[in-house]
Each structure stands twice: as structure tokens, then as C-alpha cells.
């Protein structure tokens, strides 16, 4: 009886072993078929990205800017990243907006396309191809995009982050009492009200000039470098961001009104209309 059980166990082991061998043989035979199917599903040829254009390095572009050479810089990144940080003077023109705005550009201008980084070249290439097909010949891409510009530590215009120690270091505040005293003594200050024109016309600090927040960079030439700049707007965040933007634009002696426009109103200081 014991010998019969041993014999049965031996037979079972042999059957299991034989079954495993069959499974291994089957998988080995089917593997080429699986591989072939996978290869057939893969694209035969990758889509080629247009690359018939030249580059300008961050250093070369910086030198042209410093020499005040005529350069039209078009930042094709999305508006959020553009507002967060961009090169001074660069216009935001996303690929979907190029066609409707191309008529505003001169075909003889030297144009630099600014993208994201070294890897993301699809949008950059598409934009340049469209320009070239439209008759623009003097056009280059910024090598490495904004990533390369930042790595070179070249200056940028930032939106302003209250959580950033760097941005906070750019800001100084002036109390309403100090500003009132400066106005009364005709101290050379240039006061900027960054609210919309309707709010400005309802009442503003005497002598203030209305330059909406989004126009600060465009109106840079209207702001005197020699005077101390005082800025206030709709909210503490906008005041902070205005101060950071002015600093990045080269106005180092600029202050934000402590407490903003509401602090001036609370003290019942005079207003102009």
C-alpha cells in the first residue's frame, strides 16, 4: 500500500513537471508573435519637428539689449508663466495668437522667439515656420528658452511673490503720514495709482498719476528715474506686486504705501478728482 502511494505521488510530480515544460515551450513559441504585434502597433516614423532656423544665446541677446539694439522679443509661453516671469520688453504672443497679430509686425525686424526650455521645441519650431512662411527672414530662437536665460542669471520682470524672500527684499514701505508730509513740502516724489481709470477719477491722492498695474512696463518711459516712486493700488497684493515690478524695471528708489489707498482714506487725508 505504501509503495502504491509513493508510485502515485511520483506520477503526479511527473505530470506537473511535464505540464510546466509545455507552458515554457508554448510561451517561447508565442513570444515572437507578441513582439511582432507590438512592433506593428508602434509608429514607423516619428513626426519630425521643423528645425530650419538659427539660435541666439542668452548672452548674445543680453548684449543686444544692453546696447539698446532693435530686437523684437516674442515670448510664446502661456500667459500664466509669462506674467510670473519674463524678459523686460518681451511681448507675450502664444502660438494660437500669432496668426491674428502677425500683421502688426514688420518683416524687416529682428525677431527672437522665446520658449520654455531646451527640450520643448515643438511650439517654438511651429511659430518660426509660420513666420518664415509669411516672409519673415531675420528671425531666431533663444537657445534654451527662459530656462537658459534664468540659468545665466540675467534680469527678469517678476509678478512678485510675497512668500519669496528675494521679492520681499525689493520692497520698502512709506507711512501715509510720511507721504502727506512729502506732498505738503513739495518733496520730489512721483506717485503712481495703479487702479483702473474709473476708480482713479472718483478720487486719488493729490498729484498721483494713473498707470494701471498691467501697463507699468509699457509706461516705463513715463516714470522719472530721478524721483522717488510711491505706488498704491487696489489691494496689498497689487501694491506688493507693483513694487516688485518697478524694482525689476530698474526703479530702485520705490516705495509702496503702507496700508494702501484705504489707509489714506481712513485718515481722511485730502483727495483729488
Protein backbone atom coordinates (compact mmCIF):
# COMPACT_ATOMS: atom_id res chain seq x y z
CA UNK A 1 0.00 0.00 0.00
CA UNK A 2 2.77 2.36 0.98
CA UNK A 3 4.62 1.55 -2.23
CA UNK A 4 1.48 2.24 -4.29
CA UNK A 5 1.08 5.70 -2.67
CA UNK A 6 4.69 6.54 -3.42
CA UNK A 7 4.13 5.48 -7.01
CA UNK A 8 1.06 7.72 -7.32
CA UNK A 9 2.94 10.69 -5.86
CA UNK A 10 5.78 10.13 -8.28
CA UNK A 11 3.34 10.08 -11.19
CA UNK A 12 1.74 13.34 -10.02
CA UNK A 13 5.12 15.05 -9.78
CA UNK A 14 6.00 13.88 -13.29
CA UNK A 15 2.68 15.19 -14.65
CA UNK A 16 3.20 18.59 -13.01
CA UNK A 17 6.75 18.76 -14.35
CA UNK A 18 5.59 17.81 -17.83
CA UNK A 19 2.88 20.50 -17.66
CA UNK A 20 5.40 23.19 -16.69
CA UNK A 21 7.63 22.15 -19.60
CA UNK A 22 4.68 22.51 -22.01
CA UNK A 23 3.91 26.02 -20.65
CA UNK A 24 7.50 27.14 -21.10
CA UNK A 25 7.60 25.78 -24.68
CA UNK A 26 4.28 27.48 -25.53
CA UNK A 27 5.44 30.90 -24.19
CA UNK A 28 8.73 30.58 -26.07
CA UNK A 29 6.93 29.86 -29.34
CA UNK A 30 4.41 32.70 -28.94
CA UNK A 31 6.94 35.36 -27.86
CA UNK A 32 7.97 36.33 -31.44
CA UNK A 33 4.29 36.80 -32.32
CA UNK A 34 3.76 39.12 -29.33
CA UNK A 35 6.89 41.04 -30.23
CA UNK A 36 5.79 41.40 -33.84
CA UNK A 37 2.35 42.71 -32.81
CA UNK A 38 3.97 45.29 -30.50
CA UNK A 39 6.30 46.43 -33.27
CA UNK A 40 3.41 46.74 -35.74
CA UNK A 41 1.46 48.95 -33.30
CA UNK A 42 4.39 51.34 -32.83
CA UNK A 43 4.67 54.28 -35.27
CA UNK A 44 7.08 53.54 -38.05
CA UNK A 45 8.50 57.05 -38.28
CA UNK A 46 8.49 59.74 -35.55
CA UNK A 47 6.97 63.10 -36.52
CA UNK A 48 9.79 65.41 -37.48
CA UNK A 49 9.88 68.86 -35.89
CA UNK A 50 10.77 71.78 -38.16
CA UNK A 51 14.37 72.77 -37.47
CA UNK A 52 15.43 75.04 -40.32
CA UNK A 53 16.22 78.06 -38.14
CA UNK A 54 19.03 79.62 -36.10
CA UNK A 55 19.53 80.33 -32.42
CA UNK A 56 20.76 83.24 -30.34
CA UNK A 57 22.29 82.53 -26.95
CA UNK A 58 21.17 84.19 -23.72
CA UNK A 59 24.49 86.02 -23.54
CA UNK A 60 24.18 87.35 -27.09
CA UNK A 61 20.62 88.53 -26.53
CA UNK A 62 21.58 90.21 -23.25
CA UNK A 63 24.38 92.09 -25.04
CA UNK A 64 21.98 93.33 -27.71
CA UNK A 65 19.55 94.55 -25.05
CA UNK A 66 22.32 96.36 -23.17
CA UNK A 67 23.46 98.03 -26.39
CA UNK A 68 19.82 99.09 -26.99
CA UNK A 69 19.78 97.36 -30.37
CA UNK A 70 16.39 96.91 -32.03
CA UNK A 71 15.12 93.46 -31.09
CA UNK A 72 11.51 92.30 -31.14
CA UNK A 73 11.19 89.63 -28.44
CA UNK A 74 8.13 87.39 -28.65
CA UNK A 75 7.52 85.14 -25.64
CA UNK A 76 5.33 82.26 -26.86
CA UNK A 77 4.79 80.67 -23.45
CA UNK A 78 1.36 80.62 -21.83
CA UNK A 79 0.19 83.85 -20.18
CA UNK A 80 0.49 82.46 -16.63
CA UNK A 81 4.19 81.68 -16.98
CA UNK A 82 4.77 84.92 -18.86
CA UNK A 83 3.19 87.03 -16.10
CA UNK A 84 5.08 85.11 -13.46
CA UNK A 85 8.43 85.97 -15.07
CA UNK A 86 9.63 87.29 -18.42
CA UNK A 87 12.39 89.28 -20.07
CA UNK A 88 11.79 93.02 -19.92
CA UNK A 89 10.38 94.26 -23.20
CA UNK A 90 9.23 90.83 -24.40
CA UNK A 91 5.66 90.66 -25.67
CA UNK A 92 3.50 87.65 -24.88
CA UNK A 93 2.32 86.06 -28.12
CA UNK A 94 1.17 82.46 -27.75
CA UNK A 95 1.18 80.28 -30.92
CA UNK A 96 -2.62 80.46 -31.25
CA UNK A 97 -2.45 84.28 -31.35
CA UNK A 98 0.36 84.67 -33.89
CA UNK A 99 -1.83 84.49 -36.99
CA UNK A 100 -4.15 87.30 -35.88
CA UNK A 101 -1.28 89.56 -34.71
CA UNK A 102 1.35 88.97 -37.37
CA UNK A 103 0.20 91.99 -39.42
CA UNK A 104 1.36 94.27 -36.59
CA UNK A 105 4.97 93.15 -37.06
CA UNK A 106 7.49 94.42 -39.58
CA UNK A 107 9.05 91.74 -41.78
CA UNK A 108 12.39 93.55 -41.60
CA UNK A 109 12.54 93.45 -37.79
CA UNK A 110 14.99 91.19 -35.99
CA UNK A 111 12.71 88.81 -34.09
CA UNK A 112 13.65 86.49 -31.22
CA UNK A 113 11.24 83.73 -30.26
CA UNK A 114 11.36 82.83 -26.55
CA UNK A 115 10.13 79.40 -25.48
CA UNK A 116 10.25 77.34 -22.30
CA UNK A 117 13.47 75.32 -22.26
CA UNK A 118 15.92 73.15 -24.19
CA UNK A 119 13.51 70.25 -24.75
CA UNK A 120 10.14 71.79 -25.63
CA UNK A 121 10.76 72.89 -29.22
CA UNK A 122 7.51 71.94 -30.94
CA UNK A 123 5.73 75.27 -30.33
CA UNK A 124 8.94 77.21 -30.98
CA UNK A 125 9.52 75.45 -34.30
CA UNK A 126 5.91 75.86 -35.37
CA UNK A 127 5.94 79.59 -34.64
CA UNK A 128 9.17 80.18 -36.56
CA UNK A 129 7.97 78.15 -39.53
CA UNK A 130 4.80 80.23 -39.70
CA UNK A 131 6.82 83.45 -39.60
CA UNK A 132 9.19 82.23 -42.30
CA UNK A 133 6.34 81.06 -44.49
CA UNK A 134 4.88 84.56 -44.06
CA UNK A 135 8.04 86.24 -45.37
CA UNK A 136 9.97 86.95 -42.16
CA UNK A 137 13.63 86.11 -42.66
CA UNK A 138 15.50 87.77 -39.77
CA UNK A 139 14.26 85.52 -37.00
CA UNK A 140 15.96 83.35 -34.37
CA UNK A 141 15.04 81.34 -31.29
CA UNK A 142 16.51 81.95 -27.83
CA UNK A 143 18.65 78.89 -27.24
CA UNK A 144 17.31 77.07 -24.20
CA UNK A 145 14.40 79.50 -23.80
CA UNK A 146 13.64 81.08 -20.43
CA UNK A 147 15.38 78.23 -18.63
CA UNK A 148 18.71 79.18 -20.22
CA UNK A 149 18.08 82.89 -19.56
CA UNK A 150 17.46 82.18 -15.88
CA UNK A 151 20.46 79.87 -15.61
CA UNK A 152 22.60 82.74 -16.92
CA UNK A 153 21.22 84.89 -14.04
CA UNK A 154 20.04 87.61 -16.42
CA UNK A 155 17.40 90.01 -15.07
CA UNK A 156 13.69 89.37 -15.45
CA UNK A 157 10.45 91.15 -14.63
CA UNK A 158 8.62 89.16 -11.97
CA UNK A 159 4.99 89.16 -10.93
CA UNK A 160 6.01 89.34 -7.27
CA UNK A 161 5.58 86.58 -4.70
CA UNK A 162 5.01 87.65 -1.06
CA UNK A 163 6.41 84.27 0.02
CA UNK A 164 9.69 84.90 -1.80
CA UNK A 165 12.48 86.33 0.37
CA UNK A 166 14.07 87.78 -2.77
CA UNK A 167 10.91 89.66 -3.76
CA UNK A 168 10.28 90.83 -0.20
CA UNK A 169 13.79 92.33 -0.13
CA UNK A 170 12.83 94.55 -3.09
CA UNK A 171 10.05 96.27 -1.14
CA UNK A 172 10.11 99.28 1.18
CA UNK A 173 7.04 100.91 2.71
CA UNK A 174 6.13 104.51 3.43
CA UNK A 175 3.51 105.51 6.01
CA UNK A 176 0.60 107.72 4.94
CA UNK A 177 1.83 110.40 7.36
CA UNK A 178 5.24 110.48 5.66
CA UNK A 179 3.69 110.73 2.19
CA UNK A 180 1.37 113.56 3.29
CA UNK A 181 4.35 115.45 4.72
CA UNK A 182 6.35 114.93 1.49
CA UNK A 183 3.45 116.29 -0.60
CA UNK A 184 2.99 119.32 1.67
CA UNK A 185 6.70 120.14 1.50
CA UNK A 186 6.79 119.59 -2.28
CA UNK A 187 9.36 116.84 -1.95
CA UNK A 188 10.16 115.34 -5.40
CA UNK A 189 8.10 112.14 -5.31
CA UNK A 190 6.30 110.51 -8.21
CA UNK A 191 3.06 108.92 -7.04
CA UNK A 192 1.55 106.11 -9.11
CA UNK A 193 -2.05 104.98 -8.74
CA UNK A 194 -2.35 101.51 -10.34
CA UNK A 195 -6.15 101.25 -10.11
CA UNK A 196 -8.40 101.44 -13.16
CA UNK A 197 -9.19 104.86 -14.61
CA UNK A 198 -12.77 104.92 -13.26
CA UNK A 199 -11.58 104.38 -9.67
CA UNK A 200 -8.84 106.96 -10.17
CA UNK A 201 -11.31 109.59 -11.34
CA UNK A 202 -13.55 109.02 -8.32
CA UNK A 203 -10.73 110.20 -6.07
CA UNK A 204 -6.98 109.80 -5.73
CA UNK A 205 -4.02 111.06 -3.71
CA UNK A 206 -3.08 114.61 -4.77
CA UNK A 207 -0.51 114.63 -7.57
CA UNK A 208 -0.86 110.92 -8.34
CA UNK A 209 -0.57 109.69 -11.93
CA UNK A 210 -2.80 106.87 -13.12
CA UNK A 211 -0.83 103.97 -14.59
CA UNK A 212 -2.82 100.70 -14.31
CA UNK A 213 -0.87 97.76 -12.94
CA UNK A 214 -0.81 95.88 -16.24
CA UNK A 215 0.61 98.96 -18.02
CA UNK A 216 3.58 99.63 -15.71
CA UNK A 217 6.10 98.01 -18.03
CA UNK A 218 4.69 99.65 -21.16
CA UNK A 219 4.70 103.08 -19.49
CA UNK A 220 8.21 102.79 -18.05
CA UNK A 221 9.48 105.75 -20.11
CA UNK A 222 6.85 108.00 -18.47
CA UNK A 223 8.22 107.34 -14.97
CA UNK A 224 11.16 109.57 -13.91
CA UNK A 225 14.23 107.71 -12.73
CA UNK A 226 15.40 110.69 -10.66
CA UNK A 227 12.39 110.86 -8.31
CA UNK A 228 11.42 108.57 -5.51
CA UNK A 229 8.44 106.45 -6.58
CA UNK A 230 5.40 105.88 -4.36
CA UNK A 231 2.88 103.31 -5.59
CA UNK A 232 -0.53 102.21 -4.38
CA UNK A 233 -3.37 100.21 -5.93
CA UNK A 234 -6.44 98.08 -5.31
CA UNK A 235 -5.08 95.73 -2.67
CA UNK A 236 -2.00 94.94 -0.54
CA UNK A 237 -1.07 92.16 -3.01
CA UNK A 238 -1.28 94.51 -6.02
CA UNK A 239 0.76 97.11 -4.12
CA UNK A 240 3.42 94.49 -3.40
CA UNK A 241 3.50 93.24 -6.98
CA UNK A 242 3.69 96.80 -8.31
CA UNK A 243 6.69 97.50 -6.10
CA UNK A 244 8.45 94.31 -7.26
CA UNK A 245 7.74 95.09 -10.91
CA UNK A 246 9.06 98.64 -10.60
CA UNK A 247 12.21 97.35 -8.89
CA UNK A 248 12.76 94.81 -11.67
CA UNK A 249 12.30 97.60 -14.22
CA UNK A 250 15.20 99.49 -12.64
CA UNK A 251 13.39 101.84 -10.24
CA UNK A 252 15.32 101.05 -7.08
CA UNK A 253 14.02 104.01 -5.02
CA UNK A 254 10.40 102.95 -4.95
CA UNK A 255 8.03 102.54 -2.02
CA UNK A 256 4.59 101.09 -1.53
CA UNK A 257 2.06 102.97 0.60
CA UNK A 258 1.74 101.14 3.90
CA UNK A 259 -1.88 100.07 4.24
CA UNK A 260 -2.61 101.10 0.66
CA UNK A 261 -5.13 103.64 -0.55
CA UNK A 262 -7.59 102.64 2.18
CA UNK A 263 -5.13 103.78 4.89
CA UNK A 264 -5.01 107.23 3.26
CA UNK A 265 -8.81 107.36 3.21
CA UNK A 266 -9.14 106.18 6.81
CA UNK A 267 -7.05 109.13 7.96
CA UNK A 268 -9.32 111.44 5.96
CA UNK A 269 -6.37 112.91 4.10
CA UNK A 270 -7.22 115.07 1.07
CA UNK A 271 -8.18 113.58 -2.29
CA UNK A 272 -8.19 114.93 -5.82
CA UNK A 273 -10.75 114.23 -8.54
